[in-house]
Amino acid sequence: MRPIFLFLSILVLVKAELLIDTKSTNIGIEDDVQFLFNWNSQSNYLALNDEVKKNVEFINLKTNNNENFKCAVPIYSPNQFYQDQSSETDLNRIKTSNLLAEFHQRKLCSYRIESYWIYELCHGNFVRQYHETKSAGKVIINGEYFLGYFDSTKQDPDYFKQNNDKLIPSIAWKNLNGVKIPTYAVKYTDGTLCEILKDTKREITVFYACDEHGNDNIVGFEEISSCIYEMIVVSKWICAHPVYKIPEKTHSSISCYSDDKIITKPLELVKIEAEQSALKVDRNKIQMTNNAGQTFVVHYKNVEEGDQEEDKKIEDGVNGDKVSSQTINEDAQKKIIKAFLDGEDCLTGGTGWWKFEICFGKHVLQYHDDEKTKKRQSILLGTWNVDDHIKWINARPSKRPLQPKTQRLHSSLLYSEGSKCDETNKNRFVEVKLKCVRGKSNSATVGLYLIEPALCEYLLGVESPWLCDYIESVDANGLVEKQSP
């Protein structure tokens, strides 16, 4: 229960009905147990009987105004969460592996389709990642990796014993849409060999979450480390086991008793409650107090349609400030692009496990920085070679910049001779597409994206209004003077 003490003295002054998160590591739900604060007089504390005191732990609370309280925090046993949902007999009667075996007999497959990759989960068989294209009416698989195969002998037990020999279900707690939910983990191992980690095979853990309306959909996929994956699937079958049903949040009470005969709750809290009550009574008035102790009352009115024209005039009057702020932002972005085109700075992008980096006139790579080891894993997608670029663009006239120059919106450059791709037995390469964007509300930003249209062939886009002048200045090969041979 120790985490309560860290937050209590701070949160106690915020509002009358306080909710505080705790970490209940014994039962795995951590921040999902919340407490509601009740404030009581000294006489109520004296009236507590011994039976009530057995089920709580008392802590002393002192406010910034030196007000003292004794707070009774409920004591939870490690098994209480499960006992509240079903009896131990019920838990022992239901074996999740039996439910899983029945589900596997149906021989179903689930799919997740992304921009390039397709993920196929054949429950109880394998998990596959692949890319397909259609040619002459035929489907061709260009890239294929098996992320793992199901083996019943490599699964964790349904239950594990605690020191008191009581059985606790094996639960993996995962975050789904910001909510922590109980799931059942199923391992798929011995997949395709990993190119990055020598002599290591891919493996994936599939987490089944209860959803009474679930259709065995893949709702989450992530590469948590090199060639190690996780997948979340929502399904009905797991709901037959009560512990995998998503628990309802309960608000247990923490009762605090004043050491003072007169006050019941902190005075600062009383003031906050009074201010909140005033706001509820008069929603068009706000009372504020500055650091000097001066109190101001601000009156406001809701904007009706008839008032919008007047607001427009006010807005026009402050446009100078808006332009000044935007100019500062644009100047910063302009400097970023200039440093990038001069080869002084690199641009980075990506939000998943793999990030990417382009250093103009040098290289493009994918990388992952390990926070624990402080080491970087990287894959070279391409390096700049002007001769390779000219050969490439001569073979693809459609990639040449448009004429006249004022009509140009983009220019492409080839970065070749990346690292060897085992699947194609060729070197990786990337087309870097610089794009001029005009007239957008967010035109002062720099946009980056990286896609893989074909296996080990990449397209990296850089978009900005500050690329427009550069694109107009390149020659028929998409090069400026210093880049030309």
Protein backbone atom coordinates (compact mmCIF):
# COMPACT_ATOMS: atom_id res chain seq x y z
CA MET A 1 0.00 0.00 0.00
CA ARG A 2 3.05 2.29 0.13
CA PRO A 3 2.32 4.23 -3.12
CA ILE A 4 -0.68 5.83 -1.42
CA PHE A 5 1.55 7.76 0.95
CA LEU A 6 3.46 9.44 -1.88
CA PHE A 7 0.38 11.10 -3.37
CA LEU A 8 -1.94 11.60 -0.42
CA SER A 9 -0.56 14.84 1.02
CA ILE A 10 -0.65 16.49 -2.43
CA LEU A 11 -4.00 15.30 -3.71
CA VAL A 12 -5.84 15.86 -0.48
CA LEU A 13 -6.04 19.60 -1.18
CA VAL A 14 -7.52 19.30 -4.65
CA LYS A 15 -11.15 18.35 -4.19
CA ALA A 16 -13.56 16.85 -1.73
CA GLU A 17 -14.01 13.49 -3.40
CA LEU A 18 -10.48 12.42 -4.19
CA LEU A 19 -9.55 9.47 -6.37
CA ILE A 20 -6.06 8.10 -5.92
CA ASP A 21 -4.36 5.30 -7.82
CA THR A 22 -2.33 2.58 -6.09
CA LYS A 23 -0.07 -0.19 -7.26
CA SER A 24 -1.34 -3.55 -6.09
CA THR A 25 1.50 -5.66 -7.40
CA ASN A 26 0.23 -8.83 -5.74
CA ILE A 27 -2.86 -8.95 -7.93
CA GLY A 28 -1.45 -7.28 -11.01
CA ILE A 29 -3.99 -4.49 -11.50
CA GLU A 30 -1.68 -1.71 -10.36
CA ASP A 31 -3.32 1.63 -11.16
CA ASP A 32 -6.86 0.30 -11.57
CA VAL A 33 -7.74 0.36 -7.85
CA GLN A 34 -9.11 3.79 -6.95
CA PHE A 35 -10.13 5.28 -3.63
CA LEU A 36 -12.78 7.80 -2.66
CA PHE A 37 -11.94 10.09 0.29
CA ASN A 38 -14.43 10.67 3.08
CA TRP A 39 -13.84 13.27 5.78
CA ASN A 40 -15.01 12.72 9.35
CA SER A 41 -14.88 14.43 12.72
CA GLN A 42 -12.76 13.38 15.67
CA SER A 43 -15.80 11.93 17.43
CA ASN A 44 -16.38 9.49 14.56
CA TYR A 45 -12.86 8.15 14.98
CA LEU A 46 -13.35 7.59 18.68
CA ALA A 47 -16.52 5.64 17.88
CA LEU A 48 -14.75 3.11 15.63
CA ASN A 49 -14.91 -0.44 16.96
CA ASP A 50 -12.04 -2.94 16.96
CA GLU A 51 -13.57 -5.02 14.14
CA VAL A 52 -13.43 -2.08 11.75
CA LYS A 53 -9.85 -1.26 12.73
CA LYS A 54 -8.72 -4.83 11.89
CA ASN A 55 -9.51 -4.32 8.19
CA VAL A 56 -7.73 -0.99 7.71
CA GLU A 57 -4.25 0.45 7.98
CA PHE A 58 -4.02 3.89 9.63
CA ILE A 59 -1.68 6.53 8.29
CA ASN A 60 -1.07 10.04 9.58
CA LEU A 61 -1.73 12.93 7.25
CA LYS A 62 -0.55 16.49 7.79
CA THR A 63 -1.56 19.38 5.52
CA ASN A 64 0.43 22.51 4.70
CA ASN A 65 -1.65 24.33 7.29
CA ASN A 66 -0.55 21.85 9.98
CA GLU A 67 -3.96 20.15 10.14
CA ASN A 68 -3.64 16.54 11.27
CA PHE A 69 -5.77 13.60 10.16
CA LYS A 70 -5.76 9.85 10.68
CA CYS A 71 -6.72 8.07 7.44
CA ALA A 72 -7.99 4.49 7.39
CA VAL A 73 -6.80 2.70 4.24
CA PRO A 74 -8.50 -0.65 3.44
CA ILE A 75 -6.25 -3.71 3.57
CA TYR A 76 -6.59 -6.02 0.58
CA SER A 77 -5.38 -9.60 0.49
CA PRO A 78 -3.60 -10.72 -2.69
CA ASN A 79 -6.47 -13.07 -3.63
CA GLN A 80 -9.35 -10.75 -2.86
CA PHE A 81 -9.72 -9.52 -6.45
CA TYR A 82 -10.35 -13.04 -7.72
CA GLN A 83 -12.48 -14.13 -4.78
CA ASP A 84 -14.78 -11.21 -5.44
CA GLN A 85 -15.41 -12.45 -8.99
CA SER A 86 -15.82 -16.18 -8.45
CA SER A 87 -15.10 -18.87 -5.89
CA GLU A 88 -11.86 -20.85 -5.90
CA THR A 89 -13.85 -23.96 -6.87
CA ASP A 90 -15.12 -22.19 -9.99
CA LEU A 91 -11.60 -21.12 -10.93
CA ASN A 92 -10.19 -24.63 -10.58
CA ARG A 93 -13.05 -26.08 -12.59
CA ILE A 94 -12.34 -23.89 -15.65
CA LYS A 95 -9.06 -24.52 -17.44
CA THR A 96 -8.20 -21.91 -20.03
CA SER A 97 -6.10 -24.36 -22.05
CA ASN A 98 -9.20 -26.54 -22.52
CA LEU A 99 -11.16 -23.53 -23.77
CA LEU A 100 -8.27 -22.72 -26.11
CA ALA A 101 -8.17 -26.30 -27.45
CA GLU A 102 -11.87 -26.17 -28.25
CA PHE A 103 -11.36 -22.85 -30.02
CA HIS A 104 -8.42 -24.25 -32.04
CA GLN A 105 -10.56 -27.12 -33.29
CA ARG A 106 -12.58 -24.61 -35.29
CA LYS A 107 -9.46 -23.97 -37.46
CA LEU A 108 -10.10 -20.24 -37.91
CA CYS A 109 -7.75 -17.60 -39.25
CA SER A 110 -7.81 -13.85 -38.50
CA TYR A 111 -6.26 -11.11 -40.62
CA ARG A 112 -4.92 -7.60 -40.11
CA ILE A 113 -4.27 -5.58 -43.28
CA GLU A 114 -1.90 -2.61 -43.17
CA SER A 115 -0.53 -0.36 -45.91
CA TYR A 116 2.08 -2.90 -47.01
CA TRP A 117 2.03 -5.97 -44.77
CA ILE A 118 -0.76 -8.45 -44.14
CA TYR A 119 -0.76 -10.33 -40.82
CA GLU A 120 -2.39 -13.76 -40.72
CA LEU A 121 -3.14 -15.55 -37.44
CA CYS A 122 -4.32 -19.13 -37.89
CA HIS A 123 -5.32 -19.92 -34.32
CA GLY A 124 -3.50 -22.97 -32.99
CA ASN A 125 -1.31 -23.20 -36.08
CA PHE A 126 0.90 -20.25 -37.08
CA VAL A 127 1.26 -16.47 -37.41
CA ARG A 128 2.45 -15.13 -40.76
CA GLN A 129 3.47 -11.72 -42.10
CA TYR A 130 3.49 -11.28 -45.88
CA HIS A 131 3.04 -8.90 -48.82
CA GLU A 132 1.08 -9.79 -51.93
CA THR A 133 0.67 -8.25 -55.35
CA LYS A 134 -1.58 -9.09 -58.28
CA SER A 135 -0.15 -9.68 -61.75
CA ALA A 136 -2.09 -10.97 -64.77
CA GLY A 137 -4.92 -11.99 -62.49
CA LYS A 138 -2.62 -14.00 -60.21
CA VAL A 139 -1.72 -13.26 -56.59
CA ILE A 140 2.04 -13.25 -56.01
CA ILE A 141 3.60 -13.36 -52.54
CA ASN A 142 6.64 -11.05 -52.60
CA GLY A 143 7.73 -11.28 -48.97
CA GLU A 144 6.80 -13.82 -46.33
CA TYR A 145 7.84 -14.35 -42.72
CA PHE A 146 6.44 -16.84 -40.25
CA LEU A 147 6.43 -15.12 -36.88
CA GLY A 148 5.89 -18.37 -34.99
CA TYR A 149 4.17 -21.74 -34.75
CA PHE A 150 1.91 -22.98 -31.97
CA ASP A 151 3.31 -25.65 -29.66
CA SER A 152 1.15 -26.75 -26.73
CA THR A 153 4.22 -27.91 -24.79
CA LYS A 154 5.69 -24.39 -24.72
CA GLN A 155 2.73 -22.65 -23.08
CA ASP A 156 2.65 -21.30 -19.53
CA PRO A 157 0.42 -23.18 -17.02
CA ASP A 158 -3.15 -21.97 -16.54
CA TYR A 159 -2.55 -21.45 -12.81
CA PHE A 160 0.36 -20.96 -10.47
CA LYS A 161 0.54 -21.59 -6.75
CA GLN A 162 1.19 -18.95 -4.14
CA ASN A 163 3.00 -19.56 -0.86
CA ASN A 164 -0.29 -20.53 0.77
CA ASP A 165 -0.86 -23.15 -1.96
CA LYS A 166 -3.83 -21.26 -3.37
CA LEU A 167 -4.13 -21.23 -7.14
CA ILE A 168 -4.02 -17.95 -9.04
CA PRO A 169 -4.93 -17.81 -12.76
CA SER A 170 -2.17 -16.87 -15.20
CA ILE A 171 -3.13 -13.39 -16.36
CA ALA A 172 -1.20 -11.00 -18.61
CA TRP A 173 -2.33 -7.41 -18.15
CA LYS A 174 -2.21 -5.35 -21.35
CA ASN A 175 -3.16 -1.80 -22.28
CA LEU A 176 -5.87 -1.49 -24.92
CA ASN A 177 -7.15 1.97 -25.84
CA GLY A 178 -5.76 3.34 -22.59
CA VAL A 179 -7.47 0.69 -20.43
CA LYS A 180 -5.64 -2.09 -18.61
CA ILE A 181 -7.33 -5.40 -19.35
CA PRO A 182 -6.72 -9.05 -18.35
CA THR A 183 -5.62 -11.29 -21.22
CA TYR A 184 -4.56 -14.90 -21.79
CA ALA A 185 -1.13 -15.25 -23.42
CA VAL A 186 -0.46 -17.87 -26.12
CA LYS A 187 3.05 -18.28 -27.48
CA TYR A 188 3.99 -18.98 -31.11
CA THR A 189 7.70 -19.81 -31.48
CA ASP A 190 10.34 -21.06 -33.96
CA GLY A 191 9.40 -18.68 -36.76
CA THR A 192 11.52 -17.53 -39.70
CA LEU A 193 15.16 -16.78 -38.89
CA CYS A 194 15.84 -13.18 -37.85
CA GLU A 195 18.20 -11.31 -40.19
CA ILE A 196 19.32 -8.89 -37.47
CA LEU A 197 19.97 -11.34 -34.62
CA LYS A 198 22.11 -14.26 -35.73
CA ASP A 199 20.78 -17.78 -35.04
CA THR A 200 17.59 -16.35 -33.57
CA LYS A 201 14.12 -17.26 -34.79
CA ARG A 202 11.12 -14.97 -34.76
CA GLU A 203 8.47 -15.46 -32.07
CA ILE A 204 5.19 -13.83 -31.14
CA THR A 205 2.83 -13.81 -28.15
CA VAL A 206 -0.88 -13.57 -28.91
CA PHE A 207 -2.91 -12.02 -26.08
CA TYR A 208 -6.61 -12.97 -26.08
CA ALA A 209 -8.92 -10.38 -24.51
CA CYS A 210 -12.56 -10.93 -23.60
CA ASP A 211 -15.21 -9.21 -25.71
CA GLU A 212 -18.73 -10.63 -25.73
CA HIS A 213 -19.17 -9.19 -29.23
CA GLY A 214 -15.62 -9.98 -30.36
CA ASN A 215 -15.11 -11.68 -33.69
CA ASP A 216 -11.51 -12.87 -33.17
CA ASN A 217 -10.28 -9.55 -34.58
CA ILE A 218 -6.61 -8.54 -34.40
CA VAL A 219 -6.79 -5.15 -32.68
CA GLY A 220 -3.13 -4.63 -31.88
CA PHE A 221 0.25 -5.59 -33.35
CA GLU A 222 3.69 -4.43 -32.30
CA GLU A 223 7.33 -5.43 -32.72
CA ILE A 224 8.50 -4.96 -29.14
CA SER A 225 12.12 -5.78 -29.97
CA SER A 226 14.00 -7.15 -32.97
CA CYS A 227 12.00 -10.15 -34.29
CA ILE A 228 9.92 -10.35 -31.09
CA TYR A 229 6.25 -9.48 -31.60
CA GLU A 230 3.02 -9.06 -29.69
CA MET A 231 -0.56 -9.26 -30.94
CA ILE A 232 -3.87 -8.55 -29.17
CA VAL A 233 -7.02 -10.39 -30.28
CA VAL A 234 -10.54 -9.78 -28.94
CA SER A 235 -12.63 -12.93 -28.79
CA LYS A 236 -15.75 -14.44 -27.20
CA TRP A 237 -14.34 -17.80 -26.13
CA ILE A 238 -12.08 -16.37 -23.44
CA CYS A 239 -15.11 -14.75 -21.77
CA ALA A 240 -16.18 -18.22 -20.55
CA HIS A 241 -13.50 -17.84 -17.86
CA PRO A 242 -14.64 -15.20 -15.31
CA VAL A 243 -11.17 -13.82 -14.53
CA TYR A 244 -10.67 -12.65 -18.11
CA LYS A 245 -13.79 -10.52 -18.14
CA ILE A 246 -12.84 -6.86 -17.97
CA PRO A 247 -13.36 -5.87 -14.31
CA GLU A 248 -15.53 -2.95 -13.40
CA LYS A 249 -13.68 -0.17 -11.66
CA THR A 250 -14.57 0.02 -7.99
CA HIS A 251 -14.08 3.04 -5.76
CA SER A 252 -13.18 1.91 -2.28
CA SER A 253 -13.28 4.46 0.50
CA ILE A 254 -10.48 5.96 2.55
CA SER A 255 -11.92 7.58 5.66
CA CYS A 256 -9.92 10.40 7.22
CA TYR A 257 -10.60 11.56 10.78
CA SER A 258 -9.62 14.97 12.09
CA ASP A 259 -7.45 15.35 15.20
CA ASP A 260 -9.21 18.67 15.81
CA LYS A 261 -12.54 18.86 17.60
CA ILE A 262 -13.78 21.70 15.36
CA ILE A 263 -12.65 21.03 11.75
CA THR A 264 -13.72 18.00 9.72
CA LYS A 265 -11.74 18.48 6.51
CA PRO A 266 -8.77 20.66 5.40
CA LEU A 267 -9.62 24.36 5.25
CA GLU A 268 -8.06 24.74 1.79
CA LEU A 269 -10.34 21.98 0.58
CA VAL A 270 -13.36 23.77 2.06
CA LYS A 271 -12.41 26.90 0.10
CA ILE A 272 -12.07 24.97 -3.14
CA GLU A 273 -15.47 23.37 -2.62
CA ALA A 274 -17.01 26.79 -2.04
CA GLU A 275 -15.48 28.15 -5.27
CA GLN A 276 -16.75 25.14 -7.23
CA SER A 277 -20.23 25.60 -5.80
CA ALA A 278 -20.20 29.27 -6.83
CA LEU A 279 -19.25 28.35 -10.37
CA LYS A 280 -22.15 25.90 -10.58
CA VAL A 281 -24.59 28.59 -9.44
CA ASP A 282 -23.31 31.29 -11.76
CA ARG A 283 -21.60 29.76 -14.77
CA ASN A 284 -21.06 33.18 -16.38
CA LYS A 285 -18.80 34.43 -13.61
CA ILE A 286 -15.32 33.38 -12.54
CA GLN A 287 -13.61 34.57 -9.36
CA MET A 288 -9.82 34.59 -9.32
CA THR A 289 -7.24 35.61 -6.70
CA ASN A 290 -3.70 36.66 -7.65
CA ASN A 291 -0.49 36.13 -5.67
CA ALA A 292 -0.92 39.50 -3.97
CA GLY A 293 -4.22 38.42 -2.49
CA GLN A 294 -6.36 40.62 -4.75
CA THR A 295 -9.65 39.07 -5.87
CA PHE A 296 -11.16 39.65 -9.32
CA VAL A 297 -14.55 38.69 -10.70
CA VAL A 298 -14.61 38.03 -14.44
CA HIS A 299 -18.00 38.08 -16.15
CA TYR A 300 -18.47 36.51 -19.57
CA LYS A 301 -21.26 35.61 -21.97
CA ASN A 302 -21.79 32.80 -24.42
CA VAL A 303 -21.24 33.77 -28.05
CA GLU A 304 -24.42 33.74 -30.13
CA GLU A 305 -24.53 33.71 -33.91
CA GLY A 306 -25.26 37.43 -34.00
CA ASP A 307 -22.09 38.14 -32.05
CA GLN A 308 -19.75 36.34 -34.42
CA GLU A 309 -19.33 39.29 -36.77
CA GLU A 310 -18.24 41.48 -33.87
CA ASP A 311 -15.80 38.79 -32.77
CA LYS A 312 -14.40 38.73 -36.31
CA LYS A 313 -13.63 42.45 -36.07
CA ILE A 314 -11.84 41.89 -32.76
CA GLU A 315 -9.90 39.02 -34.30
CA ASP A 316 -8.83 41.21 -37.22
CA GLY A 317 -7.49 43.71 -34.73
CA VAL A 318 -5.03 41.21 -33.25
CA ASN A 319 -3.86 39.65 -36.49
CA GLY A 320 -0.51 41.38 -36.08
CA ASP A 321 0.30 39.22 -33.05
CA LYS A 322 -0.69 36.06 -34.93
CA VAL A 323 1.55 36.94 -37.87
CA SER A 324 4.45 37.66 -35.54
CA SER A 325 4.08 34.26 -33.83
CA GLN A 326 3.75 32.45 -37.15
CA THR A 327 6.78 34.22 -38.56
CA ILE A 328 8.94 32.99 -35.70
CA ASN A 329 7.80 29.41 -36.34
CA GLU A 330 8.36 29.73 -40.09
CA ASP A 331 11.87 31.09 -39.58
CA ALA A 332 12.74 28.10 -37.43
CA GLN A 333 11.41 25.67 -40.04
CA LYS A 334 13.26 27.51 -42.79
CA LYS A 335 16.54 27.10 -40.90
CA ILE A 336 15.87 23.37 -40.42
CA ILE A 337 15.36 22.82 -44.16
CA LYS A 338 18.41 24.93 -45.07
CA ALA A 339 20.64 22.98 -42.68
CA PHE A 340 19.20 19.75 -44.07
CA LEU A 341 19.84 20.66 -47.72
CA ASP A 342 23.35 21.91 -46.84
CA GLY A 343 24.10 18.49 -45.31
CA GLU A 344 24.65 19.97 -41.86
CA ASP A 345 21.67 18.33 -40.10
CA CYS A 346 19.72 15.11 -40.61
CA LEU A 347 15.94 14.68 -40.43
CA THR A 348 14.40 11.84 -38.44
CA GLY A 349 10.90 10.36 -38.43
CA GLY A 350 8.88 7.32 -37.44
CA THR A 351 6.76 6.48 -34.39
CA GLY A 352 7.09 2.70 -34.02
CA TRP A 353 9.92 0.38 -33.06
CA TRP A 354 11.90 1.42 -36.14
CA LYS A 355 12.68 5.09 -36.73
CA PHE A 356 14.31 6.43 -39.89
CA GLU A 357 16.92 9.06 -40.68
CA ILE A 358 17.84 10.90 -43.85
CA CYS A 359 21.10 12.81 -44.08
CA PHE A 360 20.86 14.70 -47.38
CA GLY A 361 23.62 13.83 -49.82
CA LYS A 362 24.83 11.05 -47.50
CA HIS A 363 22.50 8.21 -46.52
CA VAL A 364 19.06 6.96 -45.47
CA LEU A 365 18.73 4.37 -42.71
CA GLN A 366 16.27 2.71 -40.33
CA TYR A 367 17.31 2.37 -36.70
CA HIS A 368 16.24 1.49 -33.21
CA ASP A 369 17.94 2.92 -30.11
CA ASP A 370 17.78 0.54 -27.15
CA GLU A 371 17.12 2.57 -24.00
CA LYS A 372 18.61 -0.09 -21.73
CA THR A 373 21.81 -0.98 -23.56
CA LYS A 374 22.20 2.46 -25.20
CA LYS A 375 23.10 0.62 -28.41
CA ARG A 376 21.69 1.27 -31.88
CA GLN A 377 20.45 -1.32 -34.35
CA SER A 378 20.40 0.05 -37.89
CA ILE A 379 19.63 -1.00 -41.46
CA LEU A 380 21.15 1.01 -44.29
CA LEU A 381 18.43 1.71 -46.86
CA GLY A 382 20.62 3.62 -49.30
CA THR A 383 23.59 5.94 -49.82
CA TRP A 384 23.99 8.88 -52.15
CA ASN A 385 25.82 8.17 -55.39
CA VAL A 386 25.32 10.67 -58.18
CA ASP A 387 26.24 8.23 -60.97
CA ASP A 388 23.70 5.64 -59.77
CA HIS A 389 21.08 8.37 -59.53
CA ILE A 390 21.63 9.58 -63.12
CA LYS A 391 21.43 6.00 -64.47
CA TRP A 392 18.21 5.49 -62.52
CA ILE A 393 16.53 8.72 -63.69
CA ASN A 394 17.60 8.21 -67.33
CA ALA A 395 15.77 4.88 -67.24
CA ARG A 396 12.69 6.56 -65.73
CA PRO A 397 11.92 9.82 -67.58
CA SER A 398 8.70 10.26 -65.57
CA LYS A 399 10.85 10.92 -62.50
CA ARG A 400 12.44 13.99 -64.07
CA PRO A 401 11.34 17.43 -62.78
CA LEU A 402 8.63 19.14 -64.81
CA GLN A 403 9.21 22.03 -67.19
CA PRO A 404 8.66 24.96 -66.79
CA LYS A 405 10.25 25.18 -63.37
CA THR A 406 7.40 27.23 -61.88
CA GLN A 407 5.05 24.27 -62.27
CA ARG A 408 7.22 21.86 -60.32
CA LEU A 409 5.87 20.42 -57.09
CA HIS A 410 8.33 17.60 -56.47
CA SER A 411 11.72 16.18 -57.32
CA SER A 412 13.08 12.65 -56.80
CA LEU A 413 16.55 11.38 -55.92
CA LEU A 414 17.82 7.79 -55.70
CA TYR A 415 19.83 6.59 -52.73
CA SER A 416 21.29 3.21 -53.72
CA GLU A 417 23.55 0.42 -52.43
CA GLY A 418 21.85 -0.12 -49.11
CA SER A 419 22.40 -3.24 -47.03
CA LYS A 420 21.80 -6.65 -48.64
CA CYS A 421 18.21 -7.91 -48.59
CA ASP A 422 18.18 -11.66 -47.93
CA GLU A 423 14.77 -12.19 -49.53
CA THR A 424 15.61 -10.57 -52.88
CA ASN A 425 19.39 -11.12 -52.77
CA LYS A 426 19.76 -7.47 -53.86
CA ASN A 427 20.82 -4.28 -52.14
CA ARG A 428 18.15 -2.07 -50.65
CA PHE A 429 17.47 1.31 -52.24
CA VAL A 430 15.20 4.25 -51.54
CA GLU A 431 13.63 6.98 -53.67
CA VAL A 432 13.73 10.28 -51.78
CA LYS A 433 10.84 12.45 -52.95
CA LEU A 434 11.07 16.14 -52.09
CA LYS A 435 7.70 17.88 -52.31
CA CYS A 436 6.75 21.55 -52.37
CA VAL A 437 3.54 22.22 -50.41
CA ARG A 438 1.78 25.57 -50.64
CA GLY A 439 -1.32 27.19 -49.21
CA LYS A 440 -1.93 24.74 -46.33
CA SER A 441 -2.88 25.85 -42.84
CA ASN A 442 0.08 23.92 -41.42
CA SER A 443 2.43 25.01 -44.19
CA ALA A 444 5.15 25.96 -41.71
CA THR A 445 5.76 22.30 -40.82
CA VAL A 446 8.11 19.70 -42.27
CA GLY A 447 6.40 16.41 -43.14
CA LEU A 448 8.22 13.05 -43.30
CA TYR A 449 7.03 9.58 -44.20
CA LEU A 450 8.61 6.25 -45.17
CA ILE A 451 6.83 3.39 -46.96
CA GLU A 452 7.93 0.10 -48.52
CA PRO A 453 6.03 -0.29 -51.83
CA ALA A 454 7.91 -3.50 -52.63
CA LEU A 455 10.15 -5.77 -50.59
CA CYS A 456 13.34 -3.89 -49.63
CA GLU A 457 12.43 -1.00 -51.97
CA TYR A 458 11.49 2.21 -50.17
CA LEU A 459 9.97 5.61 -50.76
CA LEU A 460 10.84 8.44 -48.36
CA GLY A 461 8.86 11.67 -48.63
CA VAL A 462 9.95 15.08 -47.35
CA GLU A 463 7.33 17.85 -47.62
CA SER A 464 7.70 21.55 -46.83
CA PRO A 465 6.99 24.97 -48.33
CA TRP A 466 10.70 25.72 -47.83
CA LEU A 467 11.58 23.09 -50.44
CA CYS A 468 9.80 25.01 -53.22
CA ASP A 469 12.75 27.25 -54.11
CA TYR A 470 15.13 24.27 -54.08
CA ILE A 471 12.87 22.23 -56.38
CA GLU A 472 12.63 25.13 -58.85
CA SER A 473 16.45 25.40 -58.91
CA VAL A 474 17.32 21.79 -59.82
CA ASP A 475 18.29 20.72 -63.33
CA ALA A 476 16.71 18.08 -65.55
CA ASN A 477 18.27 15.32 -63.44
CA GLY A 478 16.88 16.74 -60.20
CA LEU A 479 20.29 18.02 -59.14
CA VAL A 480 21.65 21.40 -58.15
CA GLU A 481 25.05 22.51 -59.33
CA LYS A 482 27.02 21.18 -56.37
CA GLN A 483 25.44 17.73 -56.75
CA SER A 484 26.10 17.38 -60.48
CA PRO A 485 29.11 15.30 -61.61
